[in-house]
C-alpha atoms as a PDB file:
ATOM      1  CA  MET A   1      65.894  31.425 -89.109  1.00  0.00           C
ATOM      2  CA  SER A   2      66.037  28.032 -90.628  1.00  0.00           C
ATOM      3  CA  GLN A   3      67.286  24.740 -89.463  1.00  0.00           C
ATOM      4  CA  LYS A   4      70.854  23.857 -90.179  1.00  0.00           C
ATOM      5  CA  LEU A   5      71.992  21.718 -93.152  1.00  0.00           C
ATOM      6  CA  THR A   6      72.722  17.907 -92.426  1.00  0.00           C
ATOM      7  CA  ILE A   7      75.477  16.248 -94.777  1.00  0.00           C
ATOM      8  CA  LEU A   8      75.633  12.238 -94.593  1.00  0.00           C
ATOM      9  CA  PHE A   9      78.247  10.583 -96.320  1.00  0.00           C
ATOM     10  CA  ASP A  10      78.963   7.368 -97.180  1.00  0.00           C
ATOM     11  CA  LEU A  11      82.854   5.751 -95.874  1.00  0.00           C
ATOM     12  CA  ASP A  12      84.251   3.863 -98.185  1.00  0.00           C
ATOM     13  CA  GLY A  13      85.250   5.087-101.556  1.00  0.00           C
ATOM     14  CA  THR A  14      83.405   8.149-100.398  1.00  0.00           C
ATOM     15  CA  LEU A  15      85.591   9.855 -97.459  1.00  0.00           C
ATOM     16  CA  ILE A  16      88.680   7.658 -97.396  1.00  0.00           C
ATOM     17  CA  ASP A  17      90.084   5.428-100.264  1.00  0.00           C
ATOM     18  CA  THR A  18      90.078   2.236 -98.228  1.00  0.00           C
ATOM     19  CA  ALA A  19      90.513  -0.535-101.470  1.00  0.00           C
ATOM     20  CA  PRO A  20      94.337  -1.143-100.603  1.00  0.00           C
ATOM     21  CA  ASP A  21      93.433  -2.439 -96.793  1.00  0.00           C
ATOM     22  CA  LEU A  22      90.314  -3.927 -97.638  1.00  0.00           C
ATOM     23  CA  MET A  23      92.247  -5.881-100.686  1.00  0.00           C
ATOM     24  CA  SER A  24      94.845  -6.957 -97.968  1.00  0.00           C
ATOM     25  CA  ALA A  25      92.508  -8.482 -95.866  1.00  0.00           C
ATOM     26  CA  HIS A  26      90.254  -9.613 -98.671  1.00  0.00           C
ATOM     27  CA  ASN A  27      93.209 -11.565 -99.933  1.00  0.00           C
ATOM     28  CA  HIS A  28      94.595 -12.577 -97.284  1.00  0.00           C
ATOM     29  CA  VAL A  29      91.026 -14.475 -96.228  1.00  0.00           C
ATOM     30  CA  MET A  30      91.052 -15.940 -99.807  1.00  0.00           C
ATOM     31  CA  LYS A  31      94.529 -17.534 -99.720  1.00  0.00           C
ATOM     32  CA  LYS A  32      94.085 -19.280 -96.513  1.00  0.00           C
ATOM     33  CA  PHE A  33      90.308 -20.511 -97.559  1.00  0.00           C
ATOM     34  CA  GLY A  34      92.034 -21.755-101.147  1.00  0.00           C
ATOM     35  CA  TYR A  35      90.649 -19.259-103.596  1.00  0.00           C
ATOM     36  CA  ILE A  36      92.786 -17.214-105.769  1.00  0.00           C
ATOM     37  CA  GLU A  37      93.520 -13.493-105.125  1.00  0.00           C
ATOM     38  CA  SER A  38      91.742 -10.320-106.348  1.00  0.00           C
ATOM     39  CA  GLU A  39      93.162  -6.877-108.142  1.00  0.00           C
ATOM     40  CA  LEU A  40      92.587  -3.649-106.616  1.00  0.00           C
ATOM     41  CA  GLU A  41      90.065  -2.986-109.010  1.00  0.00           C
ATOM     42  CA  ASP A  42      88.003  -6.005-108.283  1.00  0.00           C
ATOM     43  CA  ILE A  43      88.049  -4.923-104.576  1.00  0.00           C
ATOM     44  CA  LYS A  44      86.358  -1.379-105.705  1.00  0.00           C
ATOM     45  CA  LYS A  45      83.548  -3.085-107.364  1.00  0.00           C
ATOM     46  CA  LEU A  46      82.441  -4.955-104.126  1.00  0.00           C
ATOM     47  CA  ALA A  47      83.976  -3.010-101.118  1.00  0.00           C
ATOM     48  CA  GLY A  48      80.148  -1.099-100.509  1.00  0.00           C
ATOM     49  CA  ARG A  49      78.106  -3.924 -99.967  1.00  0.00           C
ATOM     50  CA  GLY A  50      79.609  -5.049 -96.482  1.00  0.00           C
ATOM     51  CA  SER A  51      82.234  -7.484 -95.535  1.00  0.00           C
ATOM     52  CA  LYS A  52      79.945 -10.912 -95.524  1.00  0.00           C
ATOM     53  CA  ALA A  53      78.023  -9.657 -99.131  1.00  0.00           C
ATOM     54  CA  MET A  54      81.665  -8.768-100.455  1.00  0.00           C
ATOM     55  CA  ILE A  55      83.194 -12.012 -99.501  1.00  0.00           C
ATOM     56  CA  LYS A  56      80.268 -13.923-100.958  1.00  0.00           C
ATOM     57  CA  LYS A  57      80.050 -12.038-104.180  1.00  0.00           C
ATOM     58  CA  SER A  58      83.790 -12.173-104.857  1.00  0.00           C
ATOM     59  CA  ILE A  59      83.721 -15.918-104.578  1.00  0.00           C
ATOM     60  CA  HIS A  60      81.246 -15.724-107.532  1.00  0.00           C
ATOM     61  CA  GLU A  61      83.355 -13.655-109.510  1.00  0.00           C
ATOM     62  CA  ILE A  62      86.478 -15.996-109.352  1.00  0.00           C
ATOM     63  CA  ALA A  63      84.290 -18.977-109.860  1.00  0.00           C
ATOM     64  CA  GLU A  64      83.109 -16.889-113.196  1.00  0.00           C
ATOM     65  CA  ARG A  65      86.648 -15.805-114.142  1.00  0.00           C
ATOM     66  CA  THR A  66      87.932 -19.355-113.348  1.00  0.00           C
ATOM     67  CA  GLY A  67      85.752 -21.649-114.690  1.00  0.00           C
ATOM     68  CA  LYS A  68      86.592 -23.549-111.241  1.00  0.00           C
ATOM     69  CA  ILE A  69      82.769 -23.806-109.346  1.00  0.00           C
ATOM     70  CA  LYS A  70      83.765 -24.212-105.502  1.00  0.00           C
ATOM     71  CA  LYS A  71      80.464 -24.762-103.329  1.00  0.00           C
ATOM     72  CA  THR A  72      80.990 -22.283-100.404  1.00  0.00           C
ATOM     73  CA  ASN A  73      78.276 -23.240 -98.273  1.00  0.00           C
ATOM     74  CA  GLU A  74      76.854 -20.440 -95.636  1.00  0.00           C
ATOM     75  CA  ASN A  75      79.066 -21.642 -92.568  1.00  0.00           C
ATOM     76  CA  GLU A  76      82.130 -21.089 -94.918  1.00  0.00           C
ATOM     77  CA  ALA A  77      81.209 -17.436 -95.896  1.00  0.00           C
ATOM     78  CA  GLU A  78      80.943 -17.127 -91.906  1.00  0.00           C
ATOM     79  CA  GLU A  79      84.144 -18.243 -91.124  1.00  0.00           C
ATOM     80  CA  MET A  80      85.641 -16.082 -94.042  1.00  0.00           C
ATOM     81  CA  THR A  81      83.618 -13.292 -93.023  1.00  0.00           C
ATOM     82  CA  LYS A  82      85.300 -13.447 -89.244  1.00  0.00           C
ATOM     83  CA  GLU A  83      88.572 -13.888 -90.605  1.00  0.00           C
ATOM     84  CA  PHE A  84      88.591 -11.326 -92.775  1.00  0.00           C
ATOM     85  CA  ILE A  85      87.157  -8.589 -90.053  1.00  0.00           C
ATOM     86  CA  ASN A  86      89.942  -9.899 -87.738  1.00  0.00           C
ATOM     87  CA  TYR A  87      92.692  -9.290 -90.023  1.00  0.00           C
ATOM     88  CA  TYR A  88      91.051  -5.849 -91.403  1.00  0.00           C
ATOM     89  CA  SER A  89      90.545  -4.710 -88.007  1.00  0.00           C
ATOM     90  CA  GLN A  90      94.320  -4.869 -87.056  1.00  0.00           C
ATOM     91  CA  ASN A  91      95.395  -3.467 -90.300  1.00  0.00           C
ATOM     92  CA  ILE A  92      92.722  -1.131 -91.001  1.00  0.00           C
ATOM     93  CA  CYS A  93      94.825   1.833 -91.568  1.00  0.00           C
ATOM     94  CA  LYS A  94      98.231   0.701 -93.432  1.00  0.00           C
ATOM     95  CA  GLU A  95      97.657   2.305 -96.715  1.00  0.00           C
ATOM     96  CA  SER A  96      93.901   4.152 -96.418  1.00  0.00           C
ATOM     97  CA  LYS A  97      93.979   7.684 -96.844  1.00  0.00           C
ATOM     98  CA  PRO A  98      91.013  10.160 -97.296  1.00  0.00           C
ATOM     99  CA  ARG A  99      89.895  11.226-100.761  1.00  0.00           C
ATOM    100  CA  VAL A 100      91.365  14.386-102.033  1.00  0.00           C
ATOM    101  CA  GLY A 101      89.792  17.855-100.658  1.00  0.00           C
ATOM    102  CA  VAL A 102      87.922  15.678 -97.822  1.00  0.00           C
ATOM    103  CA  LEU A 103      89.463  17.468 -94.632  1.00  0.00           C
ATOM    104  CA  GLY A 104      89.175  20.886 -95.654  1.00  0.00           C
ATOM    105  CA  PHE A 105      85.659  20.045 -97.230  1.00  0.00           C
ATOM    106  CA  LEU A 106      85.007  18.883 -93.386  1.00  0.00           C
ATOM    107  CA  THR A 107      86.403  21.870 -91.912  1.00  0.00           C
ATOM    108  CA  TRP A 108      84.595  24.311 -93.499  1.00  0.00           C
ATOM    109  CA  CYS A 109      81.070  22.507 -93.074  1.00  0.00           C
ATOM    110  CA  LYS A 110      81.943  22.931 -89.240  1.00  0.00           C
ATOM    111  CA  LYS A 111      82.854  26.448 -89.648  1.00  0.00           C
ATOM    112  CA  ASN A 112      79.521  26.651 -91.289  1.00  0.00           C
ATOM    113  CA  SER A 113      77.602  25.063 -88.359  1.00  0.00           C
ATOM    114  CA  ILE A 114      76.335  22.123 -90.951  1.00  0.00           C
ATOM    115  CA  SER A 115      75.643  18.767 -88.585  1.00  0.00           C
ATOM    116  CA  MET A 116      77.538  15.707 -90.224  1.00  0.00           C
ATOM    117  CA  ALA A 117      76.799  12.140 -90.132  1.00  0.00           C
ATOM    118  CA  VAL A 118      78.749   9.168 -91.488  1.00  0.00           C
ATOM    119  CA  CYS A 119      76.053   6.414 -92.962  1.00  0.00           C
ATOM    120  CA  THR A 120      78.144   2.832 -94.282  1.00  0.00           C
ATOM    121  CA  ASN A 121      77.837  -0.319 -94.547  1.00  0.00           C
ATOM    122  CA  LYS A 122      81.197  -1.047 -92.527  1.00  0.00           C
ATOM    123  CA  GLN A 123      80.631  -2.414 -89.187  1.00  0.00           C
ATOM    124  CA  GLU A 124      80.128   0.212 -86.915  1.00  0.00           C
ATOM    125  CA  HIS A 125      83.219  -0.266 -84.453  1.00  0.00           C
ATOM    126  CA  LEU A 126      85.557  -0.737 -87.942  1.00  0.00           C
ATOM    127  CA  SER A 127      84.062   3.044 -88.839  1.00  0.00           C
ATOM    128  CA  ILE A 128      84.784   4.676 -85.960  1.00  0.00           C
ATOM    129  CA  ASP A 129      88.028   2.952 -85.242  1.00  0.00           C
ATOM    130  CA  LEU A 130      89.094   3.875 -88.627  1.00  0.00           C
ATOM    131  CA  LEU A 131      87.851   7.214 -88.428  1.00  0.00           C
ATOM    132  CA  LYS A 132      89.719   7.535 -85.029  1.00  0.00           C
ATOM    133  CA  LYS A 133      92.950   6.620 -86.755  1.00  0.00           C
ATOM    134  CA  ILE A 134      93.326   8.663 -89.582  1.00  0.00           C
ATOM    135  CA  LYS A 135      91.685  11.939 -87.242  1.00  0.00           C
ATOM    136  CA  LEU A 136      88.070  12.625 -89.049  1.00  0.00           C
ATOM    137  CA  TYR A 137      86.245  10.860 -86.068  1.00  0.00           C
ATOM    138  CA  ASP A 138      85.625  14.436 -84.048  1.00  0.00           C
ATOM    139  CA  PHE A 139      83.666  15.679 -87.303  1.00  0.00           C
ATOM    140  CA  PHE A 140      80.895  13.797 -86.933  1.00  0.00           C
ATOM    141  CA  GLU A 141      77.900  13.791 -84.993  1.00  0.00           C
ATOM    142  CA  TYR A 142      77.231  10.228 -85.348  1.00  0.00           C
ATOM    143  CA  ILE A 143      78.079   6.981 -86.795  1.00  0.00           C
ATOM    144  CA  ALA A 144      75.889   4.823 -88.597  1.00  0.00           C
ATOM    145  CA  GLY A 145      77.496   1.295 -89.623  1.00  0.00           C
ATOM    146  CA  GLY A 146      76.175  -1.510 -91.191  1.00  0.00           C
ATOM    147  CA  ASN A 147      75.247  -3.349 -87.864  1.00  0.00           C
ATOM    148  CA  THR A 148      73.976  -0.264 -86.535  1.00  0.00           C
ATOM    149  CA  PHE A 149      70.490  -0.590 -87.409  1.00  0.00           C
ATOM    150  CA  ASN A 150      68.260  -4.001 -88.033  1.00  0.00           C
ATOM    151  CA  TYR A 151      68.932  -2.560 -91.676  1.00  0.00           C
ATOM    152  CA  ASN A 152      71.313  -0.793 -93.892  1.00  0.00           C
ATOM    153  CA  LYS A 153      71.657   0.794 -97.529  1.00  0.00           C
ATOM    154  CA  PRO A 154      70.238   0.742 -99.605  1.00  0.00           C
ATOM    155  CA  ASP A 155      67.312   0.719 -96.899  1.00  0.00           C
ATOM    156  CA  PRO A 156      66.499   4.371 -96.705  1.00  0.00           C
ATOM    157  CA  ARG A 157      66.073   3.841 -92.864  1.00  0.00           C
ATOM    158  CA  HIS A 158      69.895   3.852 -92.709  1.00  0.00           C
ATOM    159  CA  LEU A 159      69.606   7.589 -93.532  1.00  0.00           C
ATOM    160  CA  THR A 160      66.301   8.696 -91.758  1.00  0.00           C
ATOM    161  CA  SER A 161      67.508   6.920 -88.923  1.00  0.00           C
ATOM    162  CA  THR A 162      70.565   8.678 -88.679  1.00  0.00           C
ATOM    163  CA  ILE A 163      68.994  12.000 -89.509  1.00  0.00           C
ATOM    164  CA  GLU A 164      66.529  11.600 -86.958  1.00  0.00           C
ATOM    165  CA  ILE A 165      68.903  10.593 -84.132  1.00  0.00           C
ATOM    166  CA  ILE A 166      71.125  13.823 -84.721  1.00  0.00           C
ATOM    167  CA  GLY A 167      68.227  15.745 -84.337  1.00  0.00           C
ATOM    168  CA  GLY A 168      67.975  17.192 -88.508  1.00  0.00           C
ATOM    169  CA  ASN A 169      65.324  17.842 -90.458  1.00  0.00           C
ATOM    170  CA  ILE A 170      65.302  15.213 -94.089  1.00  0.00           C
ATOM    171  CA  LYS A 171      64.126  18.135 -96.133  1.00  0.00           C
ATOM    172  CA  LYS A 172      67.477  20.175 -95.484  1.00  0.00           C
ATOM    173  CA  SER A 173      69.731  17.011 -95.573  1.00  0.00           C
ATOM    174  CA  ILE A 174      71.819  15.989 -98.279  1.00  0.00           C
ATOM    175  CA  MET A 175      73.630  12.609 -99.033  1.00  0.00           C
ATOM    176  CA  VAL A 176      77.255  11.886-100.412  1.00  0.00           C
ATOM    177  CA  GLY A 177      78.094   8.625-101.636  1.00  0.00           C
ATOM    178  CA  ASP A 178      80.063   6.913-104.361  1.00  0.00           C
ATOM    179  CA  SER A 179      77.513   4.036-105.808  1.00  0.00           C
ATOM    180  CA  GLU A 180      74.347   3.078-106.603  1.00  0.00           C
ATOM    181  CA  THR A 181      73.588   1.745-103.172  1.00  0.00           C
ATOM    182  CA  ASP A 182      73.957   5.377-101.720  1.00  0.00           C
ATOM    183  CA  SER A 183      71.940   6.776-104.718  1.00  0.00           C
ATOM    184  CA  LYS A 184      69.032   4.308-104.418  1.00  0.00           C
ATOM    185  CA  ALA A 185      69.132   5.198-100.367  1.00  0.00           C
ATOM    186  CA  ALA A 186      69.069   9.292-100.971  1.00  0.00           C
ATOM    187  CA  LYS A 187      66.273   8.563-103.651  1.00  0.00           C
ATOM    188  CA  ALA A 188      64.156   6.667-101.022  1.00  0.00           C
ATOM    189  CA  SER A 189      64.785   8.812 -98.907  1.00  0.00           C
ATOM    190  CA  GLY A 190      63.936  11.872-100.645  1.00  0.00           C
ATOM    191  CA  LEU A 191      67.364  13.738-100.035  1.00  0.00           C
ATOM    192  CA  THR A 192      69.331  15.424-102.727  1.00  0.00           C
ATOM    193  CA  PHE A 193      72.263  12.951-103.854  1.00  0.00           C
ATOM    194  CA  ILE A 194      75.957  14.211-104.524  1.00  0.00           C
ATOM    195  CA  LEU A 195      78.062  11.677-106.509  1.00  0.00           C
ATOM    196  CA  ILE A 196      81.881  11.117-106.157  1.00  0.00           C
ATOM    197  CA  GLU A 197      83.540   9.916-109.376  1.00  0.00           C
ATOM    198  CA  ASN A 198      86.064   7.109-108.954  1.00  0.00           C
ATOM    199  CA  GLY A 199      84.411   5.134-106.006  1.00  0.00           C
ATOM    200  CA  TYR A 200      83.617   1.266-105.422  1.00  0.00           C
ATOM    201  CA  THR A 201      81.516   0.441-107.663  1.00  0.00           C
ATOM    202  CA  GLU A 202      81.021  -1.342-110.898  1.00  0.00           C
ATOM    203  CA  LYS A 203      78.461   0.996-112.864  1.00  0.00           C
ATOM    204  CA  LYS A 204      79.309   4.157-114.118  1.00  0.00           C
ATOM    205  CA  PRO A 205      78.085   7.753-113.217  1.00  0.00           C
ATOM    206  CA  ASP A 206      75.416   7.509-115.883  1.00  0.00           C
ATOM    207  CA  GLN A 207      73.968   4.110-114.735  1.00  0.00           C
ATOM    208  CA  ILE A 208      73.557   5.943-111.206  1.00  0.00           C
ATOM    209  CA  HIS A 209      70.803   8.762-110.108  1.00  0.00           C
ATOM    210  CA  TYR A 210      72.301  11.578-108.838  1.00  0.00           C
ATOM    211  CA  ASP A 211      71.770  15.580-108.649  1.00  0.00           C
ATOM    212  CA  HIS A 212      75.327  16.535-108.645  1.00  0.00           C
ATOM    213  CA  LEU A 213      78.411  14.806-109.694  1.00  0.00           C
ATOM    214  CA  ILE A 214      81.979  16.158-108.431  1.00  0.00           C
ATOM    215  CA  LYS A 215      85.311  14.591-109.077  1.00  0.00           C
ATOM    216  CA  ASN A 216      86.829  14.906-105.700  1.00  0.00           C
ATOM    217  CA  PHE A 217      85.910  16.933-102.179  1.00  0.00           C
ATOM    218  CA  VAL A 218      87.524  20.583-103.779  1.00  0.00           C
ATOM    219  CA  GLY A 219      84.706  22.997-104.647  1.00  0.00           C
ATOM    220  CA  LEU A 220      82.053  20.981-103.397  1.00  0.00           C
ATOM    221  CA  LYS A 221      81.462  23.692-100.838  1.00  0.00           C
ATOM    222  CA  GLU A 222      80.457  26.073-103.874  1.00  0.00           C
ATOM    223  CA  ILE A 223      77.597  23.235-104.596  1.00  0.00           C
ATOM    224  CA  ILE A 224      76.274  23.098-100.154  1.00  0.00           C
ATOM    225  CA  GLN A 225      76.753  27.224 -99.936  1.00  0.00           C
ATOM    226  CA  LYS A 226      73.457  26.957-102.127  1.00  0.00           C
ATOM    227  CA  TYR A 227      71.840  24.634 -99.899  1.00  0.00           C
ATOM    228  CA  ILE A 228      73.082  26.730 -97.015  1.00  0.00           C
ATOM    229  CA  ASP A 229      71.196  29.551 -98.726  1.00  0.00           C
ATOM    230  CA  ASP A 230      67.974  28.252 -99.385  1.00  0.00           C
END
């Protein structure tokens, strides 16, 4: 009997549309520290990199858009990140919701004895809290956040370590994500990569390496079934 399949999922923009709550926390921080606020689409381009990287990149983009360069040192970036995490943790599930078809697909995977885990650059405790609040936590065997290991995506070890922890097989594992960060990690790990459209990235699908492209989770089981049968 062949070893069962393992599927790893990114979180923000893949399993859950978290952009509205991320934008709220982001703009709270920007306003407090004297920067202009950003639009939802701007947040979607930045969300997959982790909170500190998002804050620093956002400051850089704001400066480019406005032509007003405000020098931000590392200490201020740290303070802004702490404020972001504090605010976001208290408002983590106000408007966030699963992407179309997620609940049905996860239920199907569970019935078919597919191992599932989350690999996200969001901090581990925030990821677990969000998944519990949105009632998806129990589907997963492990949650690997951006601070779970001493490395994170696009480092392939974020994926391979998670697979090892849950007793999976690299050759029988698939990554589902929405960005080039997920794609790079999957490719370097030798995993099949499924890209979901309209995720949190500034790149178009044809600029990202993938093995399968999906609009949402509806119908994804037909793709996965082929890997179960192999």
